[in-house]
N, C-alpha and C. Protein backbone atom coordinates (compact mmCIF):
# COMPACT_ATOMS: atom_id res chain seq x y z
N MET A 1 -12.71 18.82 -6.52
CA MET A 1 -11.90 18.63 -7.13
C MET A 1 -11.57 17.43 -7.82
N ASN A 2 -12.22 17.35 -9.88
CA ASN A 2 -11.96 16.75 -10.29
C ASN A 2 -10.82 16.37 -11.43
N ILE A 3 -10.26 16.53 -11.27
CA ILE A 3 -9.42 15.74 -12.42
C ILE A 3 -9.32 14.93 -13.09
N THR A 4 -10.10 15.04 -14.82
CA THR A 4 -10.60 14.21 -15.91
C THR A 4 -8.73 14.53 -17.36
N ASN A 5 -8.14 15.14 -16.98
CA ASN A 5 -6.93 15.47 -17.96
C ASN A 5 -5.71 16.26 -16.80
N GLN A 6 -4.32 15.98 -17.86
CA GLN A 6 -3.23 15.31 -17.19
C GLN A 6 -3.38 18.15 -17.11
N LYS A 7 -3.71 18.70 -18.10
CA LYS A 7 -3.96 20.19 -17.91
C LYS A 7 -4.47 19.74 -16.67
N GLN A 8 -5.49 19.90 -15.72
CA GLN A 8 -5.87 20.01 -14.63
C GLN A 8 -5.59 19.33 -13.10
N LEU A 9 -4.41 18.09 -13.76
CA LEU A 9 -3.75 18.15 -13.44
C LEU A 9 -2.55 19.20 -12.73
N ASP A 10 -0.84 19.72 -14.30
CA ASP A 10 0.17 20.81 -13.57
C ASP A 10 -0.98 21.36 -12.95
N GLU A 11 -1.89 22.32 -13.74
CA GLU A 11 -2.78 23.27 -12.80
C GLU A 11 -2.98 22.81 -11.28
N LEU A 12 -3.72 22.04 -11.12
CA LEU A 12 -4.09 22.12 -9.51
C LEU A 12 -2.49 22.15 -8.42
N LEU A 13 -0.73 21.76 -9.42
CA LEU A 13 0.05 21.99 -8.84
C LEU A 13 0.23 23.39 -9.14
N LYS A 14 -0.29 23.83 -9.29
CA LYS A 14 -0.43 26.05 -9.50
C LYS A 14 -0.72 26.07 -8.53
N LYS A 15 -1.33 26.21 -7.21
CA LYS A 15 -2.27 26.96 -6.33
C LYS A 15 -2.05 25.69 -5.24
N PRO A 16 -1.75 26.01 -4.05
CA PRO A 16 -1.73 25.46 -2.48
C PRO A 16 -2.59 24.91 -2.39
N ILE A 17 -2.78 23.36 -1.76
CA ILE A 17 -4.10 22.82 -1.95
C ILE A 17 -4.69 22.67 -0.83
N PRO A 18 -5.81 22.93 -0.49
CA PRO A 18 -6.83 23.31 0.82
C PRO A 18 -6.48 21.87 2.26
N GLU A 19 -7.38 21.77 2.50
CA GLU A 19 -6.70 21.71 3.94
C GLU A 19 -6.75 20.33 4.03
N GLU A 20 -8.20 20.48 4.24
CA GLU A 20 -9.33 19.43 3.88
C GLU A 20 -9.75 19.52 2.04
N GLY A 21 -10.68 17.74 2.29
CA GLY A 21 -11.77 18.70 1.09
C GLY A 21 -11.68 16.80 0.54
N TYR A 22 -11.86 17.14 -1.38
CA TYR A 22 -11.66 15.65 -2.17
C TYR A 22 -11.00 15.91 -2.91
N CYS A 23 -10.16 15.57 -3.69
CA CYS A 23 -9.24 15.61 -4.83
C CYS A 23 -9.87 14.08 -6.23
N TYR A 24 -10.20 14.09 -6.83
CA TYR A 24 -11.01 12.69 -7.87
C TYR A 24 -10.24 12.82 -8.14
N ILE A 25 -9.04 11.47 -9.22
CA ILE A 25 -8.84 10.91 -9.80
C ILE A 25 -9.74 9.78 -11.15
N ASN A 26 -10.50 11.48 -12.41
CA ASN A 26 -10.37 10.27 -13.05
C ASN A 26 -10.74 10.03 -14.68
N GLY A 27 -9.13 10.30 -14.44
CA GLY A 27 -8.86 9.38 -15.69
C GLY A 27 -7.13 8.82 -15.76
N ASN A 28 -6.33 8.60 -16.82
CA ASN A 28 -5.21 8.41 -17.40
C ASN A 28 -3.95 9.82 -17.26
N VAL A 29 -3.99 10.85 -15.90
CA VAL A 29 -2.33 11.02 -15.59
C VAL A 29 -1.14 11.54 -15.53
N THR A 30 0.06 12.03 -15.56
CA THR A 30 0.77 11.75 -14.43
C THR A 30 1.47 13.45 -13.57
N LEU A 31 1.29 13.24 -13.03
CA LEU A 31 2.66 14.02 -11.73
C LEU A 31 3.65 14.73 -11.83
N ARG A 32 4.22 15.00 -12.39
CA ARG A 32 4.56 15.92 -12.94
C ARG A 32 5.60 17.33 -11.56
N GLY A 33 5.93 16.58 -10.58
CA GLY A 33 5.62 17.40 -9.15
C GLY A 33 5.30 17.35 -7.94
N THR A 34 5.06 17.86 -7.34
CA THR A 34 5.33 17.18 -6.09
C THR A 34 3.94 18.23 -5.55
N LEU A 35 3.25 17.40 -5.01
CA LEU A 35 1.58 16.94 -4.38
C LEU A 35 1.76 16.02 -2.88
N THR A 36 1.35 17.87 -2.14
CA THR A 36 1.15 17.07 -0.76
C THR A 36 0.31 17.61 -0.10
N ILE A 37 -0.73 16.36 0.22
CA ILE A 37 -1.83 16.35 1.11
C ILE A 37 -1.92 15.91 2.76
N GLY A 38 -2.80 16.46 2.54
CA GLY A 38 -2.84 16.66 4.63
C GLY A 38 -3.78 16.15 4.96
N GLU A 39 -3.78 16.13 6.39
CA GLU A 39 -4.47 15.01 7.43
C GLU A 39 -6.53 14.93 6.05
N ARG A 40 -7.00 15.58 6.54
CA ARG A 40 -8.06 16.14 6.37
C ARG A 40 -8.61 16.18 4.37
N TYR A 41 -8.07 15.50 3.83
CA TYR A 41 -8.33 15.17 2.12
C TYR A 41 -7.52 14.70 2.15
N TRP A 42 -8.36 13.46 1.38
CA TRP A 42 -8.39 12.66 0.09
C TRP A 42 -8.72 12.55 -0.37
N LEU A 43 -7.88 12.16 -1.84
CA LEU A 43 -7.23 11.99 -3.39
C LEU A 43 -7.96 10.17 -3.77
N CYS A 44 -8.88 10.92 -4.46
CA CYS A 44 -9.19 8.53 -4.22
C CYS A 44 -8.58 8.82 -6.22
N VAL A 45 -9.14 7.98 -6.32
CA VAL A 45 -8.14 6.93 -7.86
C VAL A 45 -8.87 7.23 -8.52
N ASN A 46 -10.63 6.73 -9.07
CA ASN A 46 -11.48 6.25 -9.42
C ASN A 46 -10.98 5.38 -10.21
N ALA A 47 -12.30 4.24 -10.54
CA ALA A 47 -12.41 2.63 -11.18
C ALA A 47 -11.82 3.30 -12.44
N ASN A 48 -11.06 1.78 -12.88
CA ASN A 48 -10.14 2.60 -14.83
C ASN A 48 -8.77 3.38 -14.80
N CYS A 49 -8.81 4.24 -13.54
CA CYS A 49 -8.38 6.08 -14.21
C CYS A 49 -6.47 5.41 -13.02
N THR A 50 -5.46 5.69 -13.46
CA THR A 50 -3.95 5.86 -13.37
C THR A 50 -3.78 6.26 -12.92
N LEU A 51 -3.16 6.98 -12.07
CA LEU A 51 -2.01 8.43 -11.41
C LEU A 51 -0.70 7.90 -11.27
N THR A 52 -0.22 8.41 -12.31
CA THR A 52 1.63 7.91 -12.56
C THR A 52 2.43 9.38 -11.31
N VAL A 53 2.84 8.86 -10.97
CA VAL A 53 4.07 9.58 -10.41
C VAL A 53 5.53 9.64 -11.42
N GLY A 54 5.10 10.08 -11.98
CA GLY A 54 6.25 10.09 -13.06
C GLY A 54 8.19 10.91 -12.39
N LYS A 55 8.73 10.74 -13.33
CA LYS A 55 10.31 11.33 -13.03
C LYS A 55 10.06 12.11 -11.93
N VAL A 56 9.65 13.41 -12.22
CA VAL A 56 10.20 14.13 -11.26
C VAL A 56 8.91 13.91 -9.99
N GLY A 57 7.75 13.43 -9.85
CA GLY A 57 7.25 13.92 -9.00
C GLY A 57 7.33 13.31 -7.62
N THR A 58 6.49 13.20 -6.84
CA THR A 58 6.76 13.15 -6.07
C THR A 58 4.71 12.98 -4.89
N LEU A 59 3.91 12.28 -4.48
CA LEU A 59 3.55 12.28 -3.83
C LEU A 59 2.91 12.63 -2.55
N ASP A 60 3.35 12.81 -1.35
CA ASP A 60 3.01 12.39 -0.45
C ASP A 60 1.99 12.89 -0.05
N SER A 61 0.66 11.64 0.91
CA SER A 61 0.11 11.39 1.69
C SER A 61 0.26 10.93 3.23
N SER A 62 1.01 11.26 4.04
CA SER A 62 1.67 10.79 4.68
C SER A 62 1.33 11.23 6.03
N MET A 63 0.28 11.93 5.40
CA MET A 63 -0.61 12.13 6.66
C MET A 63 -1.17 13.21 5.98
N GLY A 64 -2.10 11.81 5.04
CA GLY A 64 -3.17 12.37 4.40
C GLY A 64 -4.03 10.84 3.93
N ASN A 65 -4.97 11.51 3.15
CA ASN A 65 -5.44 9.99 2.73
C ASN A 65 -5.63 9.52 1.83
N ILE A 66 -5.95 8.32 0.63
CA ILE A 66 -5.68 7.92 -0.28
C ILE A 66 -6.52 6.38 -0.55
N SER A 67 -7.34 7.21 -2.07
CA SER A 67 -8.31 6.37 -1.57
C SER A 67 -8.28 6.00 -3.51
N ILE A 68 -8.40 4.42 -3.99
CA ILE A 68 -8.18 3.74 -5.11
C ILE A 68 -8.75 2.67 -5.01
N ARG A 69 -9.65 3.00 -6.34
CA ARG A 69 -11.09 2.41 -6.47
C ARG A 69 -10.62 1.11 -7.25
N ARG A 70 -11.38 0.13 -6.84
CA ARG A 70 -11.42 -2.07 -8.40
C ARG A 70 -10.95 -0.86 -9.18
N ASN A 71 -9.98 -1.85 -10.34
CA ASN A 71 -9.16 -1.34 -11.01
C ASN A 71 -8.93 -0.21 -10.69
N GLY A 72 -8.69 0.21 -10.61
CA GLY A 72 -7.97 1.65 -10.97
C GLY A 72 -6.32 1.77 -9.95
N GLY A 73 -5.15 2.37 -10.71
CA GLY A 73 -4.22 2.17 -9.37
C GLY A 73 -3.24 3.64 -10.01
N ILE A 74 -2.28 3.32 -8.87
CA ILE A 74 -1.35 4.52 -8.24
C ILE A 74 0.16 3.82 -8.87
N LYS A 75 0.74 4.65 -9.10
CA LYS A 75 2.43 3.52 -10.75
C LYS A 75 3.27 4.13 -10.06
N VAL A 76 3.63 4.38 -9.59
CA VAL A 76 6.02 5.46 -9.86
C VAL A 76 6.21 5.01 -10.69
N GLY A 77 6.65 6.06 -10.82
CA GLY A 77 7.59 5.49 -12.32
C GLY A 77 8.89 5.54 -11.11
N LYS A 78 10.33 5.40 -12.49
CA LYS A 78 11.54 5.31 -12.07
C LYS A 78 11.87 7.11 -12.29
N GLY A 79 12.53 8.17 -10.78
CA GLY A 79 12.33 8.59 -9.70
C GLY A 79 11.73 9.52 -9.52
N GLY A 80 10.47 8.71 -9.61
CA GLY A 80 9.24 8.92 -8.46
C GLY A 80 8.88 8.49 -7.34
N ILE A 81 8.64 9.44 -6.07
CA ILE A 81 8.25 8.72 -5.30
C ILE A 81 6.82 8.67 -4.33
N LEU A 82 6.59 7.83 -4.14
CA LEU A 82 5.33 8.35 -3.22
C LEU A 82 5.12 7.38 -1.96
N HIS A 83 5.26 8.66 -0.41
CA HIS A 83 5.43 8.26 0.20
C HIS A 83 3.94 8.18 1.20
N VAL A 84 2.71 6.95 2.06
CA VAL A 84 2.24 7.35 1.85
C VAL A 84 2.61 7.01 3.41
N GLY A 85 0.99 6.40 4.25
CA GLY A 85 0.54 6.60 5.73
C GLY A 85 -0.18 6.21 5.95
N GLN A 86 -1.25 5.64 7.32
CA GLN A 86 -1.84 4.31 7.32
C GLN A 86 -2.92 4.77 6.80
N SER A 87 -3.84 6.20 6.13
CA SER A 87 -5.22 5.63 5.13
C SER A 87 -5.10 5.52 3.91
N VAL A 88 -4.60 3.63 3.35
CA VAL A 88 -4.83 4.24 2.23
C VAL A 88 -6.12 3.04 1.76
N ALA A 89 -7.16 3.11 0.81
CA ALA A 89 -8.14 2.88 0.81
C ALA A 89 -8.41 1.83 -0.18
N GLY A 90 -9.47 1.10 -0.62
CA GLY A 90 -9.62 0.29 -1.71
C GLY A 90 -9.50 -0.78 -2.08
N LYS A 91 -9.95 -1.59 -3.11
CA LYS A 91 -9.42 -2.37 -3.94
C LYS A 91 -8.51 -1.67 -5.01
N GLY A 92 -8.21 -1.37 -4.96
CA GLY A 92 -6.91 -0.75 -6.14
C GLY A 92 -5.27 -1.19 -6.05
N LYS A 93 -5.42 -0.83 -6.93
CA LYS A 93 -3.00 -1.52 -7.04
C LYS A 93 -2.48 -0.31 -7.00
N ILE A 94 -1.76 -0.27 -6.42
CA ILE A 94 0.06 0.10 -6.34
C ILE A 94 0.68 0.03 -6.20
N VAL A 95 1.82 0.38 -8.00
CA VAL A 95 2.19 -0.24 -8.21
C VAL A 95 4.13 0.35 -8.12
N GLU A 96 5.19 -0.29 -8.08
CA GLU A 96 6.11 0.47 -8.33
C GLU A 96 6.80 0.03 -9.43
N PHE A 97 7.74 0.83 -10.63
CA PHE A 97 9.02 0.57 -11.53
C PHE A 97 9.59 1.30 -11.32
N GLY A 98 10.32 1.75 -11.16
CA GLY A 98 11.60 1.91 -10.85
C GLY A 98 11.93 3.24 -10.31
N GLY A 99 9.88 4.21 -9.28
CA GLY A 99 10.32 4.59 -8.08
C GLY A 99 10.87 3.76 -6.80
N VAL A 100 10.36 4.43 -6.10
CA VAL A 100 10.39 4.69 -4.16
C VAL A 100 9.14 4.39 -3.95
N ILE A 101 8.86 3.36 -3.58
CA ILE A 101 7.59 3.65 -2.70
C ILE A 101 8.06 3.29 -1.30
N LEU A 102 6.93 4.09 0.22
CA LEU A 102 7.69 4.10 0.88
C LEU A 102 5.73 4.23 2.14
N TYR A 103 6.19 3.86 3.85
CA TYR A 103 4.94 3.82 3.92
C TYR A 103 5.60 3.80 5.39
N ASN A 104 4.99 4.78 5.37
CA ASN A 104 5.72 5.54 7.38
C ASN A 104 7.11 5.72 7.49
N GLY A 105 7.52 5.96 6.47
CA GLY A 105 8.81 6.35 6.27
C GLY A 105 9.67 5.12 6.39
N LYS A 106 8.70 3.66 5.85
CA LYS A 106 9.89 2.68 5.62
C LYS A 106 9.82 2.06 4.45
N ARG A 107 11.16 1.94 3.18
CA ARG A 107 10.54 1.92 2.00
C ARG A 107 10.06 -0.09 1.79
N ILE A 108 9.28 -0.17 0.94
CA ILE A 108 7.90 -0.37 0.76
C ILE A 108 8.97 -2.36 -0.44
N ALA A 109 8.78 -3.27 0.28
CA ALA A 109 9.17 -4.65 -1.42
C ALA A 109 8.85 -4.56 -1.94
N HIS A 110 9.10 -4.68 -2.58
CA HIS A 110 7.67 -5.12 -4.69
C HIS A 110 8.91 -6.30 -5.15
N GLY A 111 8.01 -6.20 -6.05
CA GLY A 111 8.87 -7.70 -7.46
C GLY A 111 9.00 -8.03 -6.88
N LYS A 112 9.97 -9.61 -7.20
CA LYS A 112 11.46 -10.83 -6.31
C LYS A 112 10.77 -11.09 -5.36
N LYS A 113 11.45 -9.91 -4.67
CA LYS A 113 12.28 -9.08 -2.44
C LYS A 113 10.36 -10.29 -2.17
N ALA A 114 9.41 -8.43 -2.75
CA ALA A 114 7.69 -9.32 -1.97
C ALA A 114 6.96 -10.51 -2.51
N LYS A 115 6.91 -11.33 -3.63
CA LYS A 115 7.10 -12.73 -3.01
C LYS A 115 7.58 -13.83 -2.40
N ALA A 116 9.01 -13.61 -2.98
CA ALA A 116 9.41 -14.05 -1.72
C ALA A 116 10.13 -13.98 -0.26
N ASN A 117 9.38 -13.03 0.22
CA ASN A 117 9.07 -12.54 1.94
C ASN A 117 6.90 -12.90 2.07
N LEU A 118 6.51 -13.26 0.44
CA LEU A 118 5.27 -14.26 0.58
C LEU A 118 4.91 -15.25 0.74
N ARG A 119 6.39 -15.89 -0.36
CA ARG A 119 6.20 -16.92 0.19
C ARG A 119 6.31 -18.34 1.49
N ILE A 120 7.63 -17.35 2.38
CA ILE A 120 8.13 -17.64 3.46
C ILE A 120 6.53 -17.68 4.30
N VAL A 121 6.22 -16.78 4.74
CA VAL A 121 4.75 -16.27 4.90
C VAL A 121 3.45 -17.32 4.85
N ALA A 122 3.01 -17.33 3.56
CA ALA A 122 2.25 -18.61 2.91
C ALA A 122 2.68 -19.29 3.77
N LYS A 123 4.41 -19.53 3.31
CA LYS A 123 4.47 -21.48 3.93
C LYS A 123 3.95 -21.91 5.49
N ALA A 124 4.35 -20.22 6.72
CA ALA A 124 3.96 -21.00 7.62
C ALA A 124 2.57 -20.14 8.30
N ALA A 125 1.69 -18.84 7.07
CA ALA A 125 1.01 -18.79 7.55
C ALA A 125 -0.88 -20.40 7.21
N LEU A 126 -0.05 -21.33 5.94
CA LEU A 126 -1.28 -22.02 5.85
C LEU A 126 -0.48 -23.62 5.98
N ALA A 127 0.76 -23.87 7.24
CA ALA A 127 0.95 -24.72 7.53
C ALA A 127 0.68 -25.39 8.37
N TYR A 128 -1.18 -24.94 9.61
CA TYR A 128 -2.07 -25.32 10.41
C TYR A 128 -3.07 -25.42 9.75
N PRO A 129 -4.61 -25.90 10.26
CA PRO A 129 -5.80 -25.04 9.76
C PRO A 129 -6.13 -23.77 10.01
N ASP A 130 -6.09 -24.12 12.10
CA ASP A 130 -5.56 -23.13 12.39
C ASP A 130 -4.38 -21.84 12.50
N SER A 131 -3.93 -21.27 11.85
CA SER A 131 -2.22 -21.23 11.80
C SER A 131 -2.55 -18.99 11.40
N LEU A 132 -2.50 -19.51 10.06
CA LEU A 132 -4.34 -18.11 10.41
C LEU A 132 -5.51 -17.62 10.56
N GLU A 133 -5.52 -16.13 11.47
CA GLU A 133 -5.80 -16.12 12.00
C GLU A 133 -6.47 -14.19 11.80
N MET A 134 -6.86 -13.61 10.44
CA MET A 134 -6.97 -12.63 10.27
C MET A 134 -7.82 -11.54 11.37
N SER A 135 -8.75 -12.03 12.61
CA SER A 135 -9.24 -11.79 13.13
C SER A 135 -8.13 -10.57 14.43
N CYS A 136 -6.73 -10.91 14.10
CA CYS A 136 -6.17 -10.44 15.00
C CYS A 136 -4.40 -10.61 14.36
N VAL A 137 -4.10 -9.50 14.79
CA VAL A 137 -2.53 -9.56 14.63
C VAL A 137 -1.99 -11.42 14.88
N HIS A 138 -1.50 -11.15 16.63
CA HIS A 138 -1.00 -12.31 17.24
C HIS A 138 -1.85 -12.58 17.96
N LYS A 139 -1.95 -14.46 17.66
CA LYS A 139 -3.34 -14.62 18.48
C LYS A 139 -2.48 -15.02 20.32
N ILE A 140 -2.70 -15.55 22.07
CA ILE A 140 -2.27 -14.90 22.79
C ILE A 140 -1.36 -16.54 23.09
N CYS A 141 -1.86 -17.21 22.33
CA CYS A 141 -1.08 -18.59 22.38
C CYS A 141 0.35 -18.86 21.22
N GLY A 142 0.04 -17.61 20.60
CA GLY A 142 1.88 -17.52 19.28
C GLY A 142 1.48 -18.32 18.47
N THR A 143 0.58 -19.46 18.35
CA THR A 143 0.28 -19.05 16.96
C THR A 143 -0.03 -19.43 16.21
N SER A 144 -0.75 -19.20 16.21
CA SER A 144 -1.68 -17.95 15.30
C SER A 144 -1.02 -16.39 15.04
N HIS A 145 -1.84 -15.78 13.77
CA HIS A 145 -1.05 -14.40 13.01
C HIS A 145 -2.25 -14.74 11.59
N CYS A 146 -2.47 -13.33 11.83
CA CYS A 146 -3.12 -12.45 10.39
C CYS A 146 -1.34 -12.37 9.80
N ILE A 147 -1.71 -11.80 7.87
CA ILE A 147 -0.71 -12.19 7.07
C ILE A 147 -0.15 -11.39 7.78
N ALA A 148 0.09 -9.95 8.71
CA ALA A 148 1.35 -8.97 8.59
C ALA A 148 1.62 -9.57 10.39
N GLY A 149 1.10 -10.51 10.90
CA GLY A 149 1.23 -10.91 11.81
C GLY A 149 3.26 -12.03 11.67
N TRP A 150 1.94 -12.58 10.40
CA TRP A 150 3.08 -13.51 10.29
C TRP A 150 4.61 -12.64 9.80
N ALA A 151 4.31 -11.86 8.66
CA ALA A 151 5.84 -11.52 8.44
C ALA A 151 6.03 -10.30 8.95
N CYS A 152 5.40 -11.05 10.01
CA CYS A 152 6.73 -9.58 11.79
C CYS A 152 6.72 -11.93 12.49
N MET A 153 6.97 -12.21 11.94
CA MET A 153 7.36 -13.29 12.89
C MET A 153 8.49 -15.04 12.70
N VAL A 154 8.41 -13.53 10.78
CA VAL A 154 9.30 -14.96 10.29
C VAL A 154 10.03 -13.89 9.28
N LEU A 155 10.01 -13.32 9.12
CA LEU A 155 10.88 -12.18 8.41
C LEU A 155 12.09 -11.49 9.34
N PRO A 156 13.13 -11.30 8.94
CA PRO A 156 14.33 -11.38 9.30
C PRO A 156 13.81 -9.38 9.57
N ASP A 157 14.03 -8.94 10.35
CA ASP A 157 13.79 -7.58 11.60
C ASP A 157 12.68 -7.89 11.31
N GLY A 158 11.88 -8.97 11.19
CA GLY A 158 10.22 -8.78 10.80
C GLY A 158 9.74 -7.46 13.13
N ASN A 159 9.88 -8.79 13.65
CA ASN A 159 9.98 -8.09 14.63
C ASN A 159 10.37 -7.27 15.67
N ALA A 160 11.33 -6.22 14.85
CA ALA A 160 11.98 -4.49 14.97
C ALA A 160 11.41 -3.84 14.19
N VAL A 161 10.93 -3.76 13.35
CA VAL A 161 9.84 -3.47 12.68
C VAL A 161 8.91 -2.60 13.84
N GLU A 162 8.01 -4.43 13.12
CA GLU A 162 6.74 -4.36 14.57
C GLU A 162 6.87 -3.51 15.52
N GLU A 163 7.71 -3.55 16.38
CA GLU A 163 8.21 -2.20 17.54
C GLU A 163 8.72 -1.42 17.46
N SER A 164 8.68 -0.72 16.61
CA SER A 164 9.38 0.39 16.60
C SER A 164 8.33 1.18 15.53
N ALA A 165 7.73 0.68 14.32
CA ALA A 165 6.35 1.57 13.95
C ALA A 165 5.11 0.67 13.73
N GLY A 166 4.90 -0.60 14.27
CA GLY A 166 2.89 -0.92 14.62
C GLY A 166 3.50 -2.17 13.56
N TRP A 167 2.42 -2.86 13.18
CA TRP A 167 2.56 -3.96 12.95
C TRP A 167 2.12 -3.81 11.30
N HIS A 168 1.20 -2.71 10.78
CA HIS A 168 0.43 -2.73 9.46
C HIS A 168 1.46 -1.85 8.86
N THR A 169 2.58 -1.16 9.30
CA THR A 169 3.65 -0.67 8.35
C THR A 169 4.86 -1.45 8.29
N ALA A 170 4.64 -2.74 9.49
CA ALA A 170 5.85 -4.00 9.04
C ALA A 170 5.43 -4.91 8.32
N GLY A 171 4.63 -4.97 7.88
CA GLY A 171 3.44 -5.99 6.69
C GLY A 171 3.80 -5.12 5.51
N MET A 172 3.75 -4.22 5.55
CA MET A 172 3.69 -3.53 4.07
C MET A 172 5.06 -3.31 3.34
N ALA A 173 6.22 -2.03 4.66
CA ALA A 173 7.40 -2.35 3.57
C ALA A 173 7.03 -3.70 4.11
N LEU A 174 7.53 -5.01 4.43
CA LEU A 174 8.20 -5.99 4.12
C LEU A 174 7.53 -6.94 2.96
N LEU A 175 5.99 -7.21 3.53
CA LEU A 175 5.50 -7.65 1.77
C LEU A 175 4.95 -7.19 0.74
N GLY A 176 4.88 -5.22 1.02
CA GLY A 176 5.00 -5.00 -0.36
C GLY A 176 3.02 -4.52 -0.38
N ALA A 177 3.11 -3.51 -1.06
CA ALA A 177 1.18 -2.76 -0.95
C ALA A 177 0.70 -3.84 -1.13
N GLU A 178 0.34 -4.94 -2.15
CA GLU A 178 -0.20 -5.33 -3.45
C GLU A 178 -1.55 -5.80 -2.19
N ALA A 179 0.00 -7.30 -1.21
CA ALA A 179 -0.28 -7.96 0.30
C ALA A 179 -1.39 -7.48 0.87
N ALA A 180 -0.98 -5.70 1.21
CA ALA A 180 -1.43 -4.65 2.38
C ALA A 180 -3.03 -4.70 2.65
N SER A 181 -3.62 -5.23 0.77
CA SER A 181 -4.97 -5.21 0.82
C SER A 181 -5.12 -5.63 0.99
N HIS A 182 -4.36 -6.16 1.20
CA HIS A 182 -5.10 -8.45 2.09
C HIS A 182 -5.38 -8.34 3.62
N PHE A 183 -4.92 -6.44 3.92
CA PHE A 183 -4.43 -7.05 5.47
C PHE A 183 -6.00 -7.44 6.08
N TYR A 184 -6.50 -7.46 5.82
CA TYR A 184 -8.41 -7.14 6.70
C TYR A 184 -9.20 -8.41 5.62
N ASP A 185 -8.97 -9.14 5.07
CA ASP A 185 -9.39 -10.48 4.75
C ASP A 185 -10.41 -11.45 5.80
N THR A 186 -10.64 -11.88 5.23
CA THR A 186 -11.50 -13.13 6.37
C THR A 186 -11.04 -13.76 6.18
N ASN A 187 -10.64 -15.04 6.81
CA ASN A 187 -9.51 -16.41 7.15
C ASN A 187 -10.03 -16.21 5.66
N LYS A 188 -10.63 -16.97 4.95
CA LYS A 188 -10.70 -17.92 4.25
C LYS A 188 -10.76 -17.07 2.61
N ASN A 189 -11.11 -15.41 2.11
CA ASN A 189 -9.72 -14.58 1.42
C ASN A 189 -8.97 -14.82 1.48
N ALA A 190 -7.90 -14.79 3.33
CA ALA A 190 -6.92 -14.27 2.93
C ALA A 190 -6.40 -15.44 3.17
N ARG A 191 -6.52 -16.82 2.96
CA ARG A 191 -6.28 -17.87 2.82
C ARG A 191 -5.58 -18.36 1.29
N LYS A 192 -7.08 -18.31 0.97
CA LYS A 192 -6.98 -18.59 -1.38
C LYS A 192 -6.30 -17.40 -1.66
N TYR A 193 -5.97 -15.77 -1.00
CA TYR A 193 -5.04 -15.46 -1.80
C TYR A 193 -3.62 -15.52 -2.18
N LEU A 194 -2.94 -16.55 -0.20
CA LEU A 194 -1.57 -16.80 0.05
C LEU A 194 -1.22 -18.57 -1.00
N GLN A 195 -2.74 -18.56 -1.35
CA GLN A 195 -2.28 -20.51 -1.20
C GLN A 195 -1.26 -19.77 -2.67
N GLN A 196 -1.31 -18.70 -3.51
CA GLN A 196 -1.09 -18.56 -4.77
C GLN A 196 0.56 -18.72 -4.81
N PHE A 197 1.00 -18.37 -3.29
CA PHE A 197 2.53 -18.09 -2.98
C PHE A 197 3.50 -19.90 -2.34
N ILE A 198 1.90 -20.64 -2.72
CA ILE A 198 2.41 -21.90 -2.09
C ILE A 198 3.34 -22.37 -3.71
N ASP A 199 4.63 -22.49 -3.93
CA ASP A 199 5.98 -24.11 -4.69
C ASP A 199 4.45 -24.80 -5.11
């Protein structure tokens, strides 16, 4: 299915979503209803396109899959709700401006809170040359971790969230959606990303 304009998206909401398949967002559109996608369904926001989850909009992909291409994005506006599960892929961004973003049921940090947490993580992860290790969540030695691993170690409740929901959910909940797009970076790229949060 190919969505290029608002009318097509509004029509999509009037019928049942197939259990499996693809929906490509190839324009700038606003979700003004509830869209639930299943585990064998992909919602793809293509490059230079934006899906806005509007005032009465809910996008529930807690069981489904989202792919956001470079320079594409999902914006969650005031009153909008985005519930994502494990599978969010691509180089695009999820941006919150007044709405609620949930990741596996946990509210995702955003704005000032996410930046404050990233400053704490960056300070710890970049303290020594070997402190940041992106090939694993926690090294056996206990002194090297990936970005999400450091969040679980140094932020309040990080350990508890990791134990109850896993490292990926904990990292995204504590650091935000943008940071989560760097969870699989190389050491070099992760270091470069974190460097911007050092005062």
